[in-house]
N, C-alpha and C. Protein backbone atom coordinates (compact mmCIF):
# COMPACT_ATOMS: atom_id res chain seq x y z
N UNK A 1 0.85 -1.12 0.03
CA UNK A 1 -0.04 0.00 -0.06
C UNK A 1 0.87 1.23 -0.05
N UNK A 2 0.38 2.28 -0.69
CA UNK A 2 1.10 3.50 -0.70
C UNK A 2 0.87 4.17 0.68
N UNK A 3 1.62 5.25 1.06
CA UNK A 3 1.50 5.92 2.26
C UNK A 3 0.12 6.47 2.39
N UNK A 4 -0.38 7.10 1.32
CA UNK A 4 -1.75 7.63 1.39
C UNK A 4 -2.84 6.52 1.63
N UNK A 5 -2.73 5.37 0.98
CA UNK A 5 -3.60 4.25 1.22
C UNK A 5 -3.51 3.77 2.61
N UNK A 6 -2.36 3.74 3.15
CA UNK A 6 -2.13 3.24 4.54
C UNK A 6 -2.84 4.23 5.48
N UNK A 7 -2.64 5.57 5.20
CA UNK A 7 -3.23 6.58 6.05
C UNK A 7 -4.71 6.44 6.10
N UNK A 8 -5.26 6.40 4.93
CA UNK A 8 -6.76 6.24 4.88
C UNK A 8 -7.24 5.08 5.57
N UNK A 9 -6.65 3.89 5.39
CA UNK A 9 -7.05 2.67 6.03
C UNK A 9 -6.93 2.84 7.56
N UNK A 10 -5.82 3.44 8.08
CA UNK A 10 -5.62 3.57 9.52
C UNK A 10 -6.70 4.48 10.11
N UNK A 11 -7.18 5.50 9.38
CA UNK A 11 -8.29 6.32 9.87
C UNK A 11 -9.53 5.48 10.12
N UNK A 12 -9.75 4.61 9.16
CA UNK A 12 -10.95 3.74 9.34
C UNK A 12 -10.80 2.72 10.49
N UNK A 13 -9.57 2.20 10.61
CA UNK A 13 -9.30 1.20 11.69
C UNK A 13 -9.48 1.88 13.03
N UNK A 14 -8.99 3.17 13.12
CA UNK A 14 -9.14 3.85 14.40
C UNK A 14 -10.63 4.00 14.78
N UNK A 15 -11.44 4.35 13.80
CA UNK A 15 -12.88 4.60 14.06
C UNK A 15 -13.68 3.33 14.08
N UNK A 16 -13.32 2.37 13.27
CA UNK A 16 -14.02 1.05 13.21
C UNK A 16 -13.00 -0.06 13.38
N UNK A 17 -12.79 -0.56 14.59
CA UNK A 17 -11.78 -1.51 14.89
C UNK A 17 -11.89 -2.88 14.12
N UNK A 18 -13.00 -3.29 13.75
CA UNK A 18 -13.26 -4.56 13.09
C UNK A 18 -13.13 -4.48 11.56
N UNK A 19 -12.90 -3.27 11.02
CA UNK A 19 -12.87 -3.10 9.55
C UNK A 19 -11.57 -3.77 8.98
N UNK A 20 -11.72 -4.30 7.76
CA UNK A 20 -10.59 -4.96 7.17
C UNK A 20 -10.64 -4.63 5.65
N UNK A 21 -9.56 -4.51 4.97
CA UNK A 21 -9.47 -4.23 3.58
C UNK A 21 -9.62 -5.52 2.75
N UNK A 22 -10.55 -5.51 1.71
CA UNK A 22 -10.77 -6.68 0.91
C UNK A 22 -10.88 -6.18 -0.60
N UNK A 23 -10.72 -7.16 -1.51
CA UNK A 23 -10.71 -6.82 -2.90
C UNK A 23 -12.10 -6.63 -3.45
N UNK A 24 -13.14 -7.34 -2.83
CA UNK A 24 -14.50 -7.15 -3.26
C UNK A 24 -15.41 -7.54 -2.07
N UNK A 25 -16.63 -7.16 -2.24
CA UNK A 25 -17.61 -7.42 -1.17
C UNK A 25 -18.96 -7.83 -1.84
N UNK A 26 -19.15 -9.17 -1.89
CA UNK A 26 -20.29 -9.72 -2.51
C UNK A 26 -21.45 -9.76 -1.55
N UNK A 27 -22.51 -9.12 -1.79
CA UNK A 27 -23.69 -9.04 -0.90
C UNK A 27 -24.75 -9.92 -1.35
N UNK A 28 -24.59 -10.51 -2.54
CA UNK A 28 -25.70 -11.30 -3.10
C UNK A 28 -25.89 -12.59 -2.23
N UNK A 29 -27.20 -12.93 -1.99
CA UNK A 29 -27.47 -14.11 -1.33
C UNK A 29 -28.07 -15.08 -2.33
N UNK A 30 -27.31 -16.06 -2.74
CA UNK A 30 -27.66 -16.97 -3.72
C UNK A 30 -28.38 -18.20 -3.11
N UNK A 31 -29.54 -18.51 -3.69
CA UNK A 31 -30.26 -19.73 -3.28
C UNK A 31 -30.05 -20.74 -4.29
N UNK A 32 -29.50 -21.87 -3.86
CA UNK A 32 -29.17 -22.97 -4.85
C UNK A 32 -30.46 -23.50 -5.57
N UNK A 33 -30.28 -23.78 -6.76
CA UNK A 33 -31.37 -24.38 -7.53
C UNK A 33 -31.65 -25.81 -7.07
N UNK A 34 -32.90 -26.24 -7.13
CA UNK A 34 -33.19 -27.62 -7.01
C UNK A 34 -33.08 -28.27 -8.34
N UNK A 35 -33.12 -29.54 -8.50
CA UNK A 35 -32.90 -30.19 -9.79
C UNK A 35 -33.86 -29.71 -10.83
N UNK A 36 -35.13 -29.51 -10.50
CA UNK A 36 -36.11 -29.06 -11.47
C UNK A 36 -35.72 -27.68 -12.09
N UNK A 37 -35.31 -26.75 -11.21
CA UNK A 37 -34.95 -25.45 -11.68
C UNK A 37 -33.70 -25.49 -12.48
N UNK A 38 -32.71 -26.34 -12.02
CA UNK A 38 -31.53 -26.52 -12.83
C UNK A 38 -31.75 -27.04 -14.24
N UNK A 39 -32.55 -28.08 -14.22
CA UNK A 39 -32.94 -28.68 -15.49
C UNK A 39 -33.64 -27.68 -16.45
N UNK A 40 -34.54 -26.86 -15.88
CA UNK A 40 -35.23 -25.86 -16.70
C UNK A 40 -34.23 -24.82 -17.22
N UNK A 41 -33.21 -24.51 -16.49
CA UNK A 41 -32.15 -23.53 -16.97
C UNK A 41 -31.37 -24.19 -18.16
N UNK A 42 -31.03 -25.46 -17.98
CA UNK A 42 -30.32 -26.15 -19.11
C UNK A 42 -31.20 -26.16 -20.37
N UNK A 43 -32.39 -26.50 -20.22
CA UNK A 43 -33.32 -26.57 -21.42
C UNK A 43 -33.40 -25.17 -22.01
N UNK A 44 -33.62 -24.14 -21.16
CA UNK A 44 -33.71 -22.76 -21.71
C UNK A 44 -32.48 -22.30 -22.44
N UNK A 45 -31.27 -22.69 -21.92
CA UNK A 45 -30.03 -22.31 -22.56
C UNK A 45 -29.96 -23.00 -23.95
N UNK A 46 -30.35 -24.27 -24.01
CA UNK A 46 -30.26 -24.99 -25.33
C UNK A 46 -31.27 -24.38 -26.27
N UNK A 47 -32.44 -24.06 -25.86
CA UNK A 47 -33.38 -23.45 -26.76
C UNK A 47 -33.08 -22.11 -27.18
N UNK A 48 -32.44 -21.27 -26.29
CA UNK A 48 -31.95 -19.96 -26.71
C UNK A 48 -30.86 -20.09 -27.71
N UNK A 49 -30.07 -21.08 -27.61
CA UNK A 49 -29.02 -21.27 -28.62
C UNK A 49 -29.60 -21.75 -29.94
N UNK A 50 -30.63 -22.52 -29.80
CA UNK A 50 -31.36 -22.98 -31.04
C UNK A 50 -31.99 -21.76 -31.82
N UNK A 51 -32.59 -20.87 -31.06
CA UNK A 51 -33.17 -19.67 -31.62
C UNK A 51 -32.15 -18.78 -32.25
N UNK A 52 -30.98 -18.75 -31.67
CA UNK A 52 -29.86 -17.91 -32.21
C UNK A 52 -29.41 -18.53 -33.52
N UNK A 53 -29.25 -19.83 -33.58
CA UNK A 53 -28.81 -20.57 -34.80
C UNK A 53 -29.90 -20.43 -35.89
N UNK A 54 -31.18 -20.63 -35.46
CA UNK A 54 -32.23 -20.49 -36.43
C UNK A 54 -32.44 -19.16 -36.96
N UNK A 55 -32.02 -18.11 -36.24
CA UNK A 55 -31.98 -16.69 -36.70
C UNK A 55 -30.77 -16.30 -37.46
N UNK A 56 -30.11 -17.31 -37.91
CA UNK A 56 -28.95 -16.98 -38.78
C UNK A 56 -27.73 -16.50 -37.97
N UNK A 57 -27.60 -16.91 -36.72
CA UNK A 57 -26.50 -16.64 -35.83
C UNK A 57 -26.52 -15.13 -35.61
N UNK A 58 -27.54 -14.38 -35.72
CA UNK A 58 -27.66 -12.97 -35.51
C UNK A 58 -28.35 -12.74 -34.23
N UNK A 59 -27.94 -11.66 -33.53
CA UNK A 59 -28.56 -11.32 -32.24
C UNK A 59 -29.41 -10.11 -32.62
N UNK A 60 -30.74 -10.20 -32.09
CA UNK A 60 -31.62 -9.10 -32.35
C UNK A 60 -31.08 -7.75 -31.85
N UNK A 61 -31.38 -6.71 -32.50
CA UNK A 61 -30.97 -5.38 -32.16
C UNK A 61 -31.28 -5.10 -30.70
N UNK A 62 -30.22 -4.78 -29.91
CA UNK A 62 -30.43 -4.55 -28.48
C UNK A 62 -30.50 -5.82 -27.67
N UNK A 63 -30.55 -6.97 -28.31
CA UNK A 63 -30.55 -8.19 -27.57
C UNK A 63 -29.23 -8.77 -27.22
N UNK A 64 -29.15 -9.84 -26.44
CA UNK A 64 -27.90 -10.42 -26.08
C UNK A 64 -27.73 -11.74 -26.76
N UNK A 65 -26.51 -12.02 -27.22
CA UNK A 65 -26.21 -13.37 -27.76
C UNK A 65 -26.27 -14.27 -26.59
N UNK A 66 -26.80 -15.51 -26.78
CA UNK A 66 -26.94 -16.48 -25.73
C UNK A 66 -25.51 -16.99 -25.35
N UNK A 67 -25.44 -17.52 -24.10
CA UNK A 67 -24.24 -18.22 -23.67
C UNK A 67 -24.11 -19.43 -24.57
N UNK A 68 -23.21 -19.36 -25.56
CA UNK A 68 -23.12 -20.44 -26.56
C UNK A 68 -22.72 -21.80 -26.00
N UNK A 69 -23.40 -22.79 -26.49
CA UNK A 69 -23.06 -24.12 -26.14
C UNK A 69 -22.52 -24.89 -27.42
N UNK A 70 -22.23 -24.12 -28.40
CA UNK A 70 -21.67 -24.64 -29.64
C UNK A 70 -20.44 -23.80 -30.03
N UNK A 71 -19.59 -24.46 -30.79
CA UNK A 71 -18.32 -23.83 -31.32
C UNK A 71 -18.18 -24.16 -32.73
N UNK A 72 -17.93 -23.05 -33.55
CA UNK A 72 -17.69 -23.26 -34.97
C UNK A 72 -16.15 -23.62 -35.08
N UNK A 73 -15.92 -24.69 -35.79
CA UNK A 73 -14.54 -25.14 -36.06
C UNK A 73 -14.01 -24.58 -37.28
N UNK A 74 -12.70 -24.57 -37.44
CA UNK A 74 -12.08 -24.02 -38.58
C UNK A 74 -12.52 -24.64 -39.91
N UNK A 75 -12.95 -25.90 -39.87
CA UNK A 75 -13.40 -26.50 -41.14
C UNK A 75 -14.86 -26.25 -41.48
N UNK A 76 -15.57 -25.44 -40.64
CA UNK A 76 -16.92 -25.06 -40.88
C UNK A 76 -17.93 -25.85 -40.16
N UNK A 77 -17.50 -26.97 -39.54
CA UNK A 77 -18.41 -27.82 -38.79
C UNK A 77 -18.52 -27.23 -37.36
N UNK A 78 -19.46 -27.85 -36.64
CA UNK A 78 -19.65 -27.41 -35.17
C UNK A 78 -19.52 -28.51 -34.21
N UNK A 79 -19.06 -28.09 -33.01
CA UNK A 79 -19.05 -28.90 -31.85
C UNK A 79 -20.17 -28.38 -30.96
N UNK A 80 -20.87 -29.26 -30.21
CA UNK A 80 -21.89 -28.80 -29.36
C UNK A 80 -21.83 -29.58 -28.05
N UNK A 81 -22.22 -28.97 -27.00
CA UNK A 81 -22.30 -29.63 -25.67
C UNK A 81 -23.46 -28.99 -24.88
N UNK A 82 -23.37 -29.22 -23.65
CA UNK A 82 -24.51 -28.79 -22.75
C UNK A 82 -23.86 -28.16 -21.49
N UNK A 83 -24.42 -27.01 -21.11
CA UNK A 83 -23.96 -26.31 -19.94
C UNK A 83 -25.07 -26.07 -18.93
N UNK A 84 -24.64 -26.16 -17.66
CA UNK A 84 -25.42 -25.69 -16.56
C UNK A 84 -24.68 -24.51 -16.00
N UNK A 85 -25.27 -23.32 -15.97
CA UNK A 85 -24.51 -22.14 -15.64
C UNK A 85 -23.37 -21.94 -16.62
N UNK A 86 -22.15 -21.78 -16.11
CA UNK A 86 -21.04 -21.59 -17.01
C UNK A 86 -20.20 -22.86 -17.10
N UNK A 87 -20.70 -23.99 -16.61
CA UNK A 87 -19.90 -25.22 -16.55
C UNK A 87 -20.50 -26.19 -17.59
N UNK A 88 -19.60 -26.87 -18.32
CA UNK A 88 -19.98 -27.92 -19.23
C UNK A 88 -20.34 -29.14 -18.51
N UNK A 89 -21.45 -29.82 -18.86
CA UNK A 89 -21.80 -31.09 -18.29
C UNK A 89 -20.74 -32.11 -18.75
N UNK A 90 -20.27 -32.94 -17.99
CA UNK A 90 -19.18 -33.88 -18.29
C UNK A 90 -19.80 -35.25 -18.51
N UNK A 91 -18.98 -36.05 -19.31
CA UNK A 91 -19.34 -37.43 -19.52
C UNK A 91 -20.71 -37.72 -20.13
N UNK A 92 -21.25 -36.80 -20.92
CA UNK A 92 -22.59 -37.02 -21.50
C UNK A 92 -22.56 -38.05 -22.60
N UNK A 93 -21.49 -38.07 -23.30
CA UNK A 93 -21.39 -38.82 -24.62
C UNK A 93 -20.39 -39.94 -24.44
N UNK A 94 -20.05 -40.37 -23.26
CA UNK A 94 -19.05 -41.36 -22.97
C UNK A 94 -18.11 -40.79 -21.91
N UNK A 95 -17.34 -41.61 -21.27
CA UNK A 95 -16.44 -41.16 -20.21
C UNK A 95 -15.49 -40.18 -20.78
N UNK A 96 -15.45 -39.01 -20.12
CA UNK A 96 -14.54 -37.93 -20.50
C UNK A 96 -15.02 -37.17 -21.68
N UNK A 97 -16.21 -37.48 -22.28
CA UNK A 97 -16.67 -36.81 -23.49
C UNK A 97 -17.80 -35.83 -23.10
N UNK A 98 -17.56 -34.53 -23.43
CA UNK A 98 -18.58 -33.54 -23.07
C UNK A 98 -19.17 -32.79 -24.36
N UNK A 99 -18.59 -33.12 -25.57
CA UNK A 99 -19.01 -32.44 -26.72
C UNK A 99 -19.25 -33.47 -27.86
N UNK A 100 -20.20 -33.08 -28.76
CA UNK A 100 -20.32 -33.77 -30.01
C UNK A 100 -19.65 -32.87 -31.12
N UNK A 101 -19.02 -33.49 -32.03
CA UNK A 101 -18.16 -32.78 -33.09
C UNK A 101 -18.58 -33.21 -34.40
N UNK A 102 -18.42 -32.34 -35.40
CA UNK A 102 -18.67 -32.73 -36.78
C UNK A 102 -20.05 -32.41 -37.35
N UNK A 103 -20.81 -31.54 -36.60
CA UNK A 103 -22.10 -31.23 -37.09
C UNK A 103 -22.08 -30.12 -38.08
N UNK A 104 -22.88 -30.20 -39.15
CA UNK A 104 -23.01 -29.25 -40.21
C UNK A 104 -23.97 -28.05 -39.71
N UNK A 105 -23.97 -26.97 -40.45
CA UNK A 105 -24.98 -25.94 -40.15
C UNK A 105 -26.28 -26.52 -40.10
N UNK A 106 -26.67 -27.28 -41.07
CA UNK A 106 -28.00 -27.85 -41.18
C UNK A 106 -28.36 -28.71 -40.01
N UNK A 107 -27.43 -29.41 -39.45
CA UNK A 107 -27.62 -30.34 -38.28
C UNK A 107 -27.60 -29.71 -36.94
N UNK A 108 -26.97 -28.59 -36.82
CA UNK A 108 -26.81 -27.93 -35.46
C UNK A 108 -28.10 -27.63 -34.76
N UNK A 109 -29.07 -27.00 -35.53
CA UNK A 109 -30.39 -26.68 -34.92
C UNK A 109 -31.02 -27.96 -34.38
N UNK A 110 -31.12 -28.98 -35.18
CA UNK A 110 -31.77 -30.22 -34.78
C UNK A 110 -31.02 -30.85 -33.64
N UNK A 111 -29.71 -30.80 -33.61
CA UNK A 111 -28.95 -31.31 -32.47
C UNK A 111 -29.36 -30.61 -31.21
N UNK A 112 -29.45 -29.26 -31.24
CA UNK A 112 -29.85 -28.50 -30.12
C UNK A 112 -31.22 -28.85 -29.62
N UNK A 113 -32.16 -29.12 -30.56
CA UNK A 113 -33.52 -29.60 -30.22
C UNK A 113 -33.48 -30.97 -29.44
N UNK A 114 -32.70 -31.84 -30.00
CA UNK A 114 -32.59 -33.21 -29.42
C UNK A 114 -31.96 -33.09 -27.94
N UNK A 115 -30.91 -32.23 -27.84
CA UNK A 115 -30.33 -32.08 -26.54
C UNK A 115 -31.28 -31.45 -25.54
N UNK A 116 -32.10 -30.52 -26.00
CA UNK A 116 -33.05 -29.81 -25.07
C UNK A 116 -34.13 -30.91 -24.68
N UNK A 117 -34.58 -31.80 -25.56
CA UNK A 117 -35.49 -32.74 -25.25
C UNK A 117 -34.93 -33.79 -24.29
N UNK A 118 -33.69 -34.13 -24.39
CA UNK A 118 -33.03 -35.00 -23.43
C UNK A 118 -32.95 -34.39 -22.07
N UNK A 119 -32.59 -33.12 -22.09
CA UNK A 119 -32.56 -32.39 -20.80
C UNK A 119 -33.91 -32.39 -20.14
N UNK A 120 -34.96 -32.03 -20.97
CA UNK A 120 -36.35 -31.98 -20.44
C UNK A 120 -36.76 -33.33 -19.88
N UNK A 121 -36.28 -34.42 -20.44
CA UNK A 121 -36.67 -35.73 -20.00
C UNK A 121 -35.71 -36.26 -18.90
N UNK A 122 -34.97 -35.37 -18.24
CA UNK A 122 -34.18 -35.64 -17.09
C UNK A 122 -32.93 -36.58 -17.35
N UNK A 123 -32.58 -36.67 -18.64
CA UNK A 123 -31.48 -37.56 -19.03
C UNK A 123 -30.12 -36.97 -18.59
N UNK A 124 -30.02 -35.77 -18.29
CA UNK A 124 -28.75 -35.08 -17.93
C UNK A 124 -28.68 -34.87 -16.40
N UNK A 125 -29.72 -35.27 -15.68
CA UNK A 125 -29.79 -34.94 -14.26
C UNK A 125 -28.54 -35.35 -13.43
N UNK A 126 -27.97 -36.51 -13.73
CA UNK A 126 -26.78 -36.91 -12.96
C UNK A 126 -25.61 -35.91 -13.18
N UNK A 127 -25.46 -35.51 -14.45
CA UNK A 127 -24.32 -34.56 -14.67
C UNK A 127 -24.58 -33.18 -14.10
N UNK A 128 -25.92 -32.77 -14.13
CA UNK A 128 -26.29 -31.49 -13.55
C UNK A 128 -26.04 -31.60 -11.99
N UNK A 129 -26.42 -32.66 -11.36
CA UNK A 129 -26.28 -32.81 -9.95
C UNK A 129 -24.79 -32.76 -9.54
N UNK A 130 -23.94 -33.31 -10.40
CA UNK A 130 -22.53 -33.31 -10.04
C UNK A 130 -22.01 -31.93 -10.02
N UNK A 131 -22.52 -31.07 -10.99
CA UNK A 131 -22.12 -29.65 -11.00
C UNK A 131 -22.62 -28.96 -9.80
N UNK A 132 -23.85 -29.21 -9.46
CA UNK A 132 -24.50 -28.60 -8.33
C UNK A 132 -23.65 -28.97 -7.00
N UNK A 133 -23.29 -30.16 -6.92
CA UNK A 133 -22.48 -30.57 -5.73
C UNK A 133 -21.18 -29.88 -5.70
N UNK A 134 -20.48 -29.76 -6.89
CA UNK A 134 -19.24 -29.06 -6.97
C UNK A 134 -19.39 -27.55 -6.66
N UNK A 135 -20.47 -26.93 -7.16
CA UNK A 135 -20.78 -25.56 -6.85
C UNK A 135 -20.89 -25.36 -5.34
N UNK A 136 -21.63 -26.26 -4.68
CA UNK A 136 -21.91 -26.19 -3.27
C UNK A 136 -20.61 -26.32 -2.46
N UNK A 137 -19.77 -27.26 -2.87
CA UNK A 137 -18.48 -27.48 -2.23
C UNK A 137 -17.63 -26.28 -2.43
N UNK A 138 -17.65 -25.70 -3.60
CA UNK A 138 -16.74 -24.48 -3.91
C UNK A 138 -17.17 -23.32 -3.07
N UNK A 139 -18.51 -23.17 -2.87
CA UNK A 139 -19.05 -22.04 -2.03
C UNK A 139 -18.72 -22.26 -0.57
N UNK A 140 -18.84 -23.47 -0.10
CA UNK A 140 -18.41 -23.78 1.26
C UNK A 140 -16.99 -23.49 1.56
N UNK A 141 -16.15 -23.88 0.52
CA UNK A 141 -14.69 -23.59 0.70
C UNK A 141 -14.44 -22.10 0.78
N UNK A 142 -15.13 -21.33 -0.14
CA UNK A 142 -14.90 -19.90 -0.11
C UNK A 142 -15.33 -19.29 1.25
N UNK A 143 -16.52 -19.76 1.70
CA UNK A 143 -17.09 -19.28 3.03
C UNK A 143 -16.19 -19.55 4.16
N UNK A 144 -15.38 -20.62 4.08
CA UNK A 144 -14.52 -20.98 5.21
C UNK A 144 -13.19 -20.28 5.12
N UNK A 145 -12.95 -19.52 4.13
CA UNK A 145 -11.69 -18.84 4.00
C UNK A 145 -11.56 -17.62 4.90
């Protein structure tokens, strides 16, 4: 800390003995999803991606591009996977396999529909629950720091 920063911090410590300097202060109180809410979020994300693809990969004026679950490859094909929040669901297509690769433009929209239907039918619940457990463990770890 510079001398000025130290001086400002000491003024606060003198007035408020329990104060401490931190890099951020998150006040949000997050309520963890149950499996139904988590599944609904996965379905919505897949359907938002489908709408984006069906719209010619264009975002409506003033709109936001969805959190993409597909990647365009250098050869023009696509890879696609499934996300809950910002985490990819693991082992969906075999052990260690989280993406399908080699889809054409014409196939991508239908693949997103099939994935959304699978999510709706609870076929991804085990992978979603693993992420939920990891998120809970990460939060507990941060809370204990």
